[in-house]
Each structure stands twice: as C-alpha cells, then as structure tokens.
Protein backbone atom coordinates (compact mmCIF):
# COMPACT_ATOMS: atom_id res chain seq x y z
CA LEU A 1 53.54 -17.14 -11.13
CA GLN A 2 53.28 -20.05 -8.82
CA GLN A 3 54.62 -21.10 -5.69
CA PHE A 4 54.01 -24.53 -3.97
CA SER A 5 54.57 -24.85 -0.29
CA ASP A 6 53.60 -27.85 1.61
CA THR A 7 53.47 -28.02 4.75
CA GLY A 8 54.35 -31.58 5.81
CA SER A 9 51.54 -32.80 5.75
CA LYS A 10 49.49 -34.08 2.81
CA LYS A 11 46.25 -32.94 3.54
CA GLU A 12 47.79 -29.20 3.49
CA HIS A 13 49.23 -26.89 0.93
CA VAL A 14 49.70 -22.94 0.26
CA LYS A 15 49.85 -21.80 -3.52
CA ILE A 16 50.75 -17.99 -3.70
CA THR A 17 50.44 -16.51 -7.03
CA SER A 18 52.06 -12.89 -8.39
CA GLN A 19 50.66 -10.51 -10.73
CA ALA A 20 51.75 -6.84 -11.25
CA LYS A 21 49.69 -4.09 -10.37
CA PRO A 22 46.91 -3.18 -11.72
CA GLY A 23 47.42 0.00 -13.87
CA PHE A 24 44.84 3.16 -13.75
CA LEU A 25 43.45 2.50 -17.10
CA GLU A 26 43.02 -1.27 -15.74
CA ARG A 27 40.99 -0.32 -12.56
CA LEU A 28 39.33 2.36 -14.70
CA SER A 29 37.96 -0.46 -16.86
CA GLU A 30 37.18 -3.14 -13.68
CA THR A 31 35.13 -0.02 -12.50
CA SER A 32 33.57 0.76 -15.66
CA GLY A 33 31.97 -3.20 -15.97
CA GLY A 34 31.27 -2.64 -12.23
CA MET A 35 29.28 0.12 -12.80
CA LEU A 36 27.28 -1.76 -14.92
CA VAL A 37 26.35 -4.13 -12.99
CA GLY A 38 25.38 -1.86 -10.36
CA LEU A 39 22.93 -0.25 -12.65
CA VAL A 40 21.08 -3.65 -13.73
CA THR A 41 21.16 -4.25 -9.70
CA PHE A 42 19.99 -0.49 -8.96
CA LEU A 43 17.12 -1.02 -11.70
CA LEU A 44 16.01 -4.43 -10.34
CA SER A 45 16.06 -3.22 -6.65
CA PHE A 46 12.83 -0.83 -7.68
CA TYR A 47 11.09 -4.27 -9.48
CA LEU A 48 11.81 -5.95 -6.12
CA LEU A 49 10.56 -3.21 -3.62
CA PHE A 50 7.62 -2.45 -5.68
CA THR A 51 6.27 -5.59 -6.54
CA ASN A 52 6.43 -7.06 -2.90
CA GLU A 53 4.33 -4.06 -1.49
CA GLY A 54 1.50 -5.21 -4.20
CA ARG A 55 2.34 -8.80 -3.12
CA ALA A 56 2.31 -8.40 0.95
CA LEU A 57 -1.25 -6.16 0.72
CA ARG A 58 -2.58 -8.92 -1.89
CA THR A 59 -1.80 -11.33 0.72
CA ALA A 60 -3.38 -9.71 3.81
CA LYS A 61 -6.22 -8.89 2.17
CA SER A 62 -6.93 -12.47 0.85
CA LEU A 63 -6.18 -14.04 4.19
CA ASP A 64 -8.70 -11.44 5.68
CA GLU A 65 -11.07 -12.52 2.95
CA GLY A 66 -10.40 -15.99 4.01
CA LEU A 67 -11.12 -15.49 7.58
CA SER A 68 -14.61 -14.14 6.91
CA LEU A 69 -15.57 -16.90 4.75
CA VAL A 70 -14.08 -20.05 6.66
CA VAL A 71 -16.02 -22.54 7.60
CA PRO A 72 -14.94 -24.84 10.74
CA LEU A 73 -15.76 -28.45 9.92
CA GLY A 74 -17.73 -29.82 12.95
CA SER A 75 -16.88 -33.92 11.88
CA ILE A 76 -13.74 -35.03 10.03
CA GLN A 77 -15.59 -38.34 9.08
CA VAL A 78 -18.46 -37.04 6.90
CA VAL A 79 -18.57 -34.89 4.07
CA SER A 80 -21.53 -32.71 4.19
CA GLN A 81 -22.82 -31.30 0.13
CA GLU A 82 -23.55 -27.82 2.30
CA ASN A 83 -19.96 -27.16 2.22
CA GLU A 84 -19.17 -27.59 -1.16
CA GLY A 85 -16.91 -25.75 -2.95
CA ARG A 86 -16.08 -23.52 0.25
CA LEU A 87 -13.63 -22.50 2.01
CA VAL A 88 -13.51 -24.86 4.90
CA HIS A 89 -11.40 -25.79 8.54
CA LEU A 90 -10.48 -28.73 9.71
CA ALA A 91 -7.79 -30.67 11.85
CA GLY A 92 -7.17 -33.98 12.53
CA PRO A 93 -4.73 -37.32 12.37
CA LEU A 94 -3.00 -38.06 9.31
CA SER A 95 -4.22 -41.30 7.31
CA THR A 96 -2.62 -43.15 4.69
CA SER A 97 -3.84 -46.20 2.75
CA LYS A 98 -0.63 -48.78 2.59
CA PRO A 99 2.71 -48.41 4.10
CA LEU A 100 5.98 -47.14 2.19
CA PHE A 101 8.71 -49.41 1.40
CA ASP A 102 12.63 -49.81 1.17
CA PRO A 103 12.68 -53.20 -0.23
CA SER A 104 16.70 -52.47 -0.47
CA TYR A 105 16.82 -52.56 3.33
CA GLY A 106 13.61 -54.04 4.48
CA LEU A 107 12.39 -51.03 6.32
CA SER A 108 8.85 -50.13 5.84
CA ILE A 109 6.28 -47.36 7.47
CA HIS A 110 3.03 -45.63 7.52
CA ALA A 111 3.92 -42.11 6.80
CA VAL A 112 3.23 -39.42 4.29
CA LYS A 113 7.01 -39.15 3.07
CA LEU A 114 9.96 -41.66 3.77
CA LYS A 115 13.53 -40.74 2.79
CA ARG A 116 16.48 -42.14 2.40
CA ASN A 117 19.91 -39.84 2.74
CA VAL A 118 22.99 -41.66 1.34
CA GLU A 119 26.27 -39.97 2.40
CA MET A 120 29.74 -40.79 0.88
CA TYR A 121 32.60 -40.80 2.98
CA GLN A 122 34.63 -38.09 0.51
CA TRP A 123 37.45 -35.53 0.50
CA VAL A 124 36.54 -31.62 1.32
CA GLU A 125 38.82 -28.92 0.20
CA TYR A 126 38.87 -25.92 1.90
CA GLU A 127 40.66 -22.70 0.95
CA ASP A 128 41.91 -19.47 2.81
CA SER A 129 43.11 -16.40 1.17
CA LYS A 130 44.55 -13.32 1.72
CA GLU A 131 45.92 -10.29 -0.80
CA TYR A 132 48.93 -8.33 0.09
CA GLU A 133 51.38 -6.12 -1.66
CA GLU A 134 55.27 -6.90 -2.11
CA ASN A 135 57.67 -5.28 -4.36
CA GLY A 136 55.33 -3.59 -6.14
CA GLU A 137 52.93 -6.87 -7.24
CA MET A 138 49.85 -8.07 -6.05
CA LYS A 139 50.17 -11.28 -4.18
CA LYS A 140 47.50 -14.06 -3.45
CA GLU A 141 48.26 -16.77 -0.74
CA THR A 142 45.86 -19.41 -0.51
CA LYS A 143 46.14 -22.03 1.58
CA TYR A 144 44.16 -25.57 1.15
CA THR A 145 43.43 -27.60 3.23
CA TYR A 146 41.89 -31.41 2.92
CA ASN A 147 39.22 -32.84 5.55
CA THR A 148 37.68 -36.21 4.84
CA GLU A 149 33.87 -36.18 5.79
CA TRP A 150 30.33 -37.46 4.76
CA LYS A 151 28.67 -35.79 2.65
CA SER A 152 25.36 -36.35 0.71
CA GLU A 153 26.39 -35.09 -2.63
CA VAL A 154 28.97 -36.06 -5.19
CA VAL A 155 32.27 -34.06 -4.12
CA ASN A 156 33.62 -33.66 -7.81
CA SER A 157 37.32 -33.86 -6.99
CA ARG A 158 38.28 -32.55 -10.47
CA ASN A 159 38.00 -29.23 -9.25
CA PHE A 160 40.66 -29.42 -6.45
CA ASP A 161 43.76 -27.64 -6.53
CA ARG A 162 45.51 -30.78 -6.11
CA GLU A 163 43.49 -34.13 -6.91
CA ILE A 164 46.22 -36.07 -6.54
CA GLY A 165 45.92 -37.93 -2.76
CA HIS A 166 42.34 -36.42 -2.99
CA LYS A 167 40.15 -38.47 -5.52
CA ASN A 168 36.64 -39.09 -4.67
CA PRO A 169 34.37 -41.56 -6.77
CA SER A 170 32.52 -40.12 -9.68
CA ALA A 171 29.03 -41.60 -8.70
CA MET A 172 27.34 -43.55 -5.20
CA ALA A 173 26.46 -46.81 -5.41
CA VAL A 174 23.23 -46.32 -3.66
CA GLU A 175 21.20 -43.51 -4.45
CA SER A 176 19.08 -41.06 -1.86
CA PHE A 177 15.34 -40.81 -2.59
CA THR A 178 12.16 -39.82 -1.22
CA ALA A 179 8.69 -41.80 -1.43
CA VAL A 180 5.82 -40.15 -1.02
CA SER A 181 2.29 -42.08 -0.52
CA PRO A 182 -0.16 -41.33 -3.11
CA ASN A 183 -3.49 -41.10 -1.39
CA VAL A 184 -2.91 -38.81 2.17
CA GLN A 185 -6.29 -38.28 3.92
CA VAL A 186 -7.48 -36.46 7.18
CA GLY A 187 -10.31 -38.09 8.21
CA SER A 188 -12.72 -38.93 5.06
CA PHE A 189 -10.73 -35.76 3.68
CA VAL A 190 -8.10 -36.62 0.48
CA LEU A 191 -5.37 -33.55 0.71
CA SER A 192 -4.46 -32.32 -2.69
CA LYS A 193 -0.17 -32.09 -3.66
CA GLY A 194 0.07 -29.04 -2.52
CA LEU A 195 -1.06 -29.98 1.03
CA VAL A 196 0.93 -33.01 0.78
CA ASP A 197 3.94 -30.71 -0.20
CA LYS A 198 3.64 -28.84 2.80
CA ILE A 199 4.08 -31.86 4.95
CA ASP A 200 8.42 -31.33 5.12
CA ASP A 201 8.64 -32.15 9.00
CA PHE A 202 11.45 -34.82 8.68
CA LYS A 203 12.35 -36.81 11.89
CA GLN A 204 15.29 -39.46 11.34
CA LEU A 205 13.53 -43.12 11.92
CA SER A 206 15.51 -45.47 14.48
CA LEU A 207 17.18 -48.80 13.23
CA SER A 208 17.37 -50.41 16.72
CA ASN A 209 14.84 -52.68 15.81
CA LEU A 210 15.98 -53.47 12.24
CA GLU A 211 18.39 -56.29 11.29
CA ASP A 212 21.34 -56.02 8.62
CA PRO A 213 19.72 -56.03 5.48
CA HIS A 214 22.87 -57.60 3.95
CA ALA A 215 26.43 -59.72 4.38
CA ASP A 216 28.01 -56.47 3.25
CA VAL A 217 25.41 -53.95 5.14
CA THR A 218 25.88 -53.56 8.74
CA ARG A 219 23.94 -51.36 11.20
CA THR A 220 25.44 -49.07 13.79
CA GLY A 221 23.45 -46.54 15.45
CA ASP A 222 20.85 -44.96 13.20
CA TYR A 223 22.81 -45.60 9.81
CA PHE A 224 23.29 -48.70 7.38
CA TYR A 225 27.25 -48.59 6.58
CA HIS A 226 28.43 -50.04 3.29
CA SER A 227 32.05 -50.35 4.85
CA GLU A 228 34.19 -52.89 5.95
CA ASN A 229 34.79 -50.53 9.62
CA PRO A 230 32.18 -48.21 10.24
CA ARG A 231 34.04 -47.14 13.00
CA ARG A 232 37.26 -46.55 10.12
CA PRO A 233 35.14 -45.70 7.16
CA GLU A 234 37.47 -45.07 4.10
CA VAL A 235 36.93 -42.89 1.07
CA GLY A 236 34.00 -44.03 -0.90
CA ASP A 237 32.14 -45.56 1.51
CA LEU A 238 28.84 -45.18 1.97
CA ARG A 239 26.20 -44.60 5.02
CA VAL A 240 22.46 -44.45 4.73
CA SER A 241 19.62 -42.90 7.30
CA PHE A 242 16.05 -43.21 6.87
CA PHE A 243 13.61 -40.11 7.71
CA TYR A 244 9.87 -39.59 7.87
CA ALA A 245 7.27 -37.13 7.80
CA GLY A 246 3.73 -36.89 8.36
CA LEU A 247 3.40 -40.64 10.50
CA SER A 248 -0.22 -42.13 10.09
CA GLY A 249 -1.71 -44.64 12.04
CA TYR A 250 -0.40 -45.77 15.58
CA ASN A 251 3.06 -47.07 15.59
CA PRO A 252 4.30 -48.80 18.62
CA HIS A 253 7.74 -47.25 18.51
CA LEU A 254 6.63 -43.94 17.54
CA GLY A 255 3.45 -43.35 18.63
CA SER A 256 0.12 -41.91 17.24
CA ALA A 257 -0.43 -40.50 14.07
CA ASP A 258 0.82 -37.05 13.34
CA LYS A 259 -2.21 -34.60 14.01
CA VAL A 260 -2.63 -31.70 11.30
CA THR A 261 -5.34 -28.19 10.89
CA VAL A 262 -6.08 -27.56 6.97
CA VAL A 263 -7.66 -24.85 5.64
CA ALA A 264 -9.01 -25.71 2.00
CA ARG A 265 -11.45 -25.54 -0.65
CA GLN A 266 -13.74 -28.68 -0.31
CA ARG A 267 -14.69 -30.10 -3.36
CA GLY A 268 -16.83 -33.43 -2.98
CA ASP A 269 -14.05 -35.10 -0.39
CA GLN A 270 -11.37 -33.74 -2.07
CA LEU A 271 -9.02 -30.59 -0.22
CA ILE A 272 -8.00 -28.65 -3.01
CA PRO A 273 -6.82 -24.72 -3.53
CA TYR A 274 -8.99 -21.89 -3.04
CA HIS A 275 -8.82 -18.96 -4.96
CA ALA A 276 -9.74 -15.82 -3.34
CA LYS A 277 -11.24 -12.67 -4.99
CA SER A 278 -8.42 -10.38 -3.80
CA GLY A 279 -5.73 -12.43 -5.97
CA ASP A 280 -4.04 -15.63 -3.51
CA VAL A 281 -4.38 -18.81 -3.42
CA LEU A 282 -5.36 -20.15 -0.25
CA GLN A 283 -4.23 -23.96 0.58
CA ILE A 284 -2.84 -24.16 4.33
CA LEU A 285 -1.71 -26.80 6.30
CA TYR A 286 0.28 -26.61 9.79
CA PRO A 287 1.15 -29.23 12.04
CA GLY A 288 -0.95 -29.30 15.57
CA ASP A 289 -4.33 -28.80 15.96
CA LEU A 290 -5.19 -25.00 15.94
CA SER A 291 -8.27 -22.95 15.67
CA VAL A 292 -9.39 -20.83 12.65
CA GLU A 293 -7.46 -17.87 14.31
CA GLU A 294 -4.37 -19.64 15.03
CA VAL A 295 -4.15 -20.46 11.84
CA PHE A 296 -4.98 -17.28 10.03
CA GLN A 297 -2.03 -15.40 13.04
CA LYS A 298 0.09 -17.95 11.55
CA GLU A 299 -0.33 -17.03 7.97
CA HIS A 300 -0.32 -12.84 8.88
CA ALA A 301 3.10 -13.17 10.78
CA SER A 302 4.53 -15.36 7.69
CA ASN A 303 3.37 -12.80 5.39
CA THR A 304 5.09 -10.11 7.36
CA MET A 305 8.22 -11.73 7.62
CA LYS A 306 8.28 -12.14 4.19
CA THR A 307 7.77 -8.95 3.32
CA TRP A 308 10.41 -7.57 6.05
CA ALA A 309 13.22 -9.83 3.93
CA LEU A 310 11.98 -8.69 0.70
CA ARG A 311 12.26 -5.49 2.17
CA ALA A 312 15.32 -5.87 3.51
CA ALA A 313 17.03 -7.97 0.27
CA GLY A 314 15.43 -4.97 -2.19
CA TRP A 315 17.26 -1.84 0.05
CA LEU A 316 20.54 -3.77 0.16
CA ALA A 317 20.24 -4.42 -3.89
CA MET A 318 20.12 -0.81 -4.40
CA PHE A 319 22.65 0.07 -1.49
CA VAL A 320 25.06 -2.08 -3.65
CA GLY A 321 23.97 -1.38 -6.89
CA ILE A 322 24.51 2.90 -5.67
CA SER A 323 28.01 1.65 -4.71
CA LEU A 324 28.78 0.32 -7.65
CA MET A 325 27.80 2.75 -9.87
CA THR A 326 29.80 5.57 -7.73
CA ARG A 327 32.94 3.24 -7.59
CA ILE A 328 34.44 5.25 -10.56
CA ILE A 329 34.77 8.14 -8.02
CA TYR A 330 37.09 5.87 -5.68
CA THR A 331 39.22 4.95 -8.33
CA LEU A 332 40.15 8.46 -9.04
CA VAL A 333 41.52 9.33 -6.25
CA ASP A 334 43.33 5.80 -5.71
CA TRP A 335 46.55 7.78 -5.52
CA PHE A 336 46.17 9.11 -2.79
CA PRO A 337 45.64 7.50 0.34
CA VAL A 338 43.95 10.26 3.00
CA VAL A 339 41.88 11.70 0.16
CA ARG A 340 41.15 7.61 -0.76
CA ASP A 341 40.02 6.73 2.64
CA LEU A 342 37.52 10.27 3.28
CA VAL A 343 35.92 9.42 -0.43
CA ASN A 344 35.28 5.77 0.28
CA VAL A 345 33.75 6.59 3.58
CA GLY A 346 31.38 9.46 1.89
CA LEU A 347 30.33 7.40 -1.05
CA LYS A 348 29.51 4.70 1.45
CA ALA A 349 27.44 7.25 3.57
CA PHE A 350 25.90 8.59 -0.03
CA ALA A 351 24.66 5.61 -1.10
CA PHE A 352 23.17 4.18 2.69
CA CYS A 353 20.93 7.39 2.39
CA VAL A 354 19.93 7.88 -1.39
CA ALA A 355 19.11 3.60 -0.58
CA SER A 356 17.12 4.58 2.54
CA SER A 357 15.27 7.80 0.89
CA LEU A 358 14.87 5.43 -2.54
CA SER A 359 13.46 2.72 -0.89
CA LEU A 360 10.85 4.35 1.17
CA LEU A 361 9.86 6.25 -1.78
CA THR A 362 9.35 3.04 -3.64
CA ILE A 363 7.86 1.63 -0.84
CA SER A 364 5.16 4.53 -0.70
CA VAL A 365 4.11 4.17 -4.94
CA GLY A 366 3.66 0.60 -4.34
CA TRP A 367 1.03 1.45 -1.05
CA PHE A 368 -0.61 4.34 -3.17
CA PHE A 369 -2.51 1.80 -5.14
CA TYR A 370 -4.09 0.38 -2.16
CA ARG A 371 -3.45 2.57 1.15
CA PRO A 372 -2.81 6.60 -0.30
CA LEU A 373 -2.72 7.78 3.27
CA TRP A 374 -0.02 5.31 4.55
CA ALA A 375 1.43 6.06 0.98
CA LEU A 376 1.78 9.84 1.75
CA LEU A 377 3.11 9.29 4.93
CA ILE A 378 5.59 6.93 3.87
CA GLY A 379 6.64 8.74 1.03
CA LEU A 380 7.56 12.27 3.06
CA LEU A 381 9.63 9.94 5.24
CA SER A 382 12.31 9.10 2.51
CA ILE A 383 13.15 12.83 2.66
CA VAL A 384 14.31 12.25 6.31
CA PRO A 385 17.61 10.68 5.37
CA ILE A 386 18.24 13.43 2.87
CA VAL A 387 17.69 15.99 5.59
CA ILE A 388 19.69 14.18 8.13
CA ALA A 389 22.89 14.21 5.38
CA ARG A 390 22.58 17.94 4.71
CA SER A 391 22.03 18.73 8.04
CA ARG A 392 25.36 17.35 8.91
CA VAL A 393 26.84 18.54 5.70
CA LEU A 394 26.10 22.63 6.73
CA PRO A 395 27.79 22.21 9.83
CA LYS A 396 31.53 21.29 8.40
CA LYS A 397 30.50 23.44 5.56
CA HIS A 398 30.61 26.31 8.96
CA GLN A 399 33.44 25.05 10.22
C-alpha cells in the first residue's frame, strides 16, 4: 500500500508504505539468514586481523632494512654508476619534457598531471525515512526532497521515486579526463610510473588569465560555463574547472617548480621499485625536501596508522558477526518487552567482550612467528575482557 502526500512544492513529496507486522516464523527466518551473514563476517575478521599483523611487521622490517641501506645522492644532475642497483635518496624540483595541453579550452601548463573536471547541473534526490507501528501494521514514511546541484557524475534520474519534473540528461557533452606527462624527472633521474602515480596533490588552476575559448562558453571565476546564464544555470548546463599536480619549471603565475623527495632503486638514470629482502617493495615519494630520517619516519607513521585502522576494522567485523549470530536469542524473547531489552544489552556486552578477546588472541598469533614474547603478552591480555565480564556477573548472582 502506497500513499502520496504532496507538500505543495514540486521539489518534495512524502510516500507512506505499510505492511503487516511480520510473524514469529518470518522473523525467525530473517534471523537465520542474518546468522549466515554473521558467520561469514566473523570468519573474515580472523583473516583480516591475522594477515594485517604479518603485513605490518613485514613493512616495518622492510623500512628498517631500507634505512640501513639507503644512499643519499650528493648531486641529482650526475648519474653515478657506483650506485647502480642500490636504494638511493634524492630531493629536487620536478621537470617535464613537454607541457600538457587541453586544446578544447586553449589551456597548457608544465606539470606532471593536468585534470579537467566537468560538472553538470542536475537534479539530486534525497530521502529521509522513519518506521513506526500503527493499527498492527508496520509503516514506513519516506520524505523525498529534490535539489539542483553541480555533480561530477551523471545522476540517473530513472532511479528517482518520481522522475517527472526531475529528469536529468543521460550523458555529459564534455568528459572529464586526466593527462599525465610521459617523462617526469628530478634532475637527471627519470621517475617510474609508480612514483609518478604518487604525485597527486592537485590544486585548482586559476583561469583569470585566459580568454573564453568559444562563443558558447563563458569564463566566470575559475570555471568555464556551457550555459546561457552561469548565474542562473539550468539542468543540463556544464561547468569545467582544471587542476594540476606536480608543477614543473618556473611559471610566472604559479611560481617555482614543486620539489619532491624520492627513495627508490637506481637503474641507469631510472628510479624504479626496490624489492627489500623482508618482502616489501620500496618506492617512496613525498612533496618537499626531506632528509632520509624524515622520509622513513613518515613511512613508519603511515604503517602504524594503517595497522590500527585495519585492527579496528577487524574488531568491528568480529563484533558485527557475533551480534548477527546471537540475534536469534533476541528474536526468541521479542514478545516480552522487558526481557527483550535486558537480553539486547546482554548480547551486546557479550559480543563486545568476545570480539575483544578473540581479536587480541588473533593478533597475538599473528605476532608469534615474528616476536614470540610480545605474542605471549598480547595473548594474556585477551583474557582480560572475559575476566572483567565474569567479575561483574558474580556479584549480581550473589545479590
């Protein structure tokens, strides 16, 4: 059953759907499906936590290995055969052989990358839903709101709840793209594709020094508009902006070339990936002029942040998996509100304690092959959540 209620504006409407409240067997069936999803999530969490520890330790050892072997180059203009095949460190301004062009808009720049970003003025649908019970039925009230916005991707209006009056074009007349310089150097050294990929600090390019490229294109601020009136755009109008990364050479409007610091393997005049004995591949690039120690400190910090992020993701996956697998207990007591609320709190506490203990235990197993003493300490920590939980349960039993 669907009921429509317009608010008086074409840009907003409300839809109410209702269905009979699901019976016990139906909810039990849904819970069984959730248990299967929970089991898969639970098992995946072990894989994520275990492999993450091995990855983190392997990366840390590879970085320590790299720091002990890296050779700082005295000059970036001279390619020394003495460093052939070695891990080297150098810093200097970027240079490219030819400027990057966008002939459609009469624009060129000496940079590593030039990105054309095209946006179209389109309808965008937002929905806000709330569920409630009324007359023994479950009802869902959804409020749909439509706004016009600039979007880089085509918004498919066919998926809207109400397309009439909110129809978008199916494609853009002008496409976005990113041009990359085929030859990027620091001094006499040519950067590998992997190093070039790391140059991604894009800045918007000012268009104030450019003329309107075509009669049907208007420049306003830092945008080219395909619109009759850029101040009052219509659905389907386009605006184009440009971004650059890795400025090379001197630009009278943008200043000096961007400096980068690189740690990679020297092969002739090429800077390529270095395969550490510990298992990782080292090809590092940072903006600015950094010392060897600063580069490896940043890499260690990045590795630590990634490790903790994946640990948190693994713990969360385990918590969700356990919660879904134990949901059936909540469903069985769903008819008794007071018991249901108590069981719900108990199940969440159970999932929290078990997920914490098993996560710590999995992490300790991951460390066992590398640092057995640390693994033992973490393994002992895994017992703490269970001990705390038991210590709280016992006093309640005595009461």
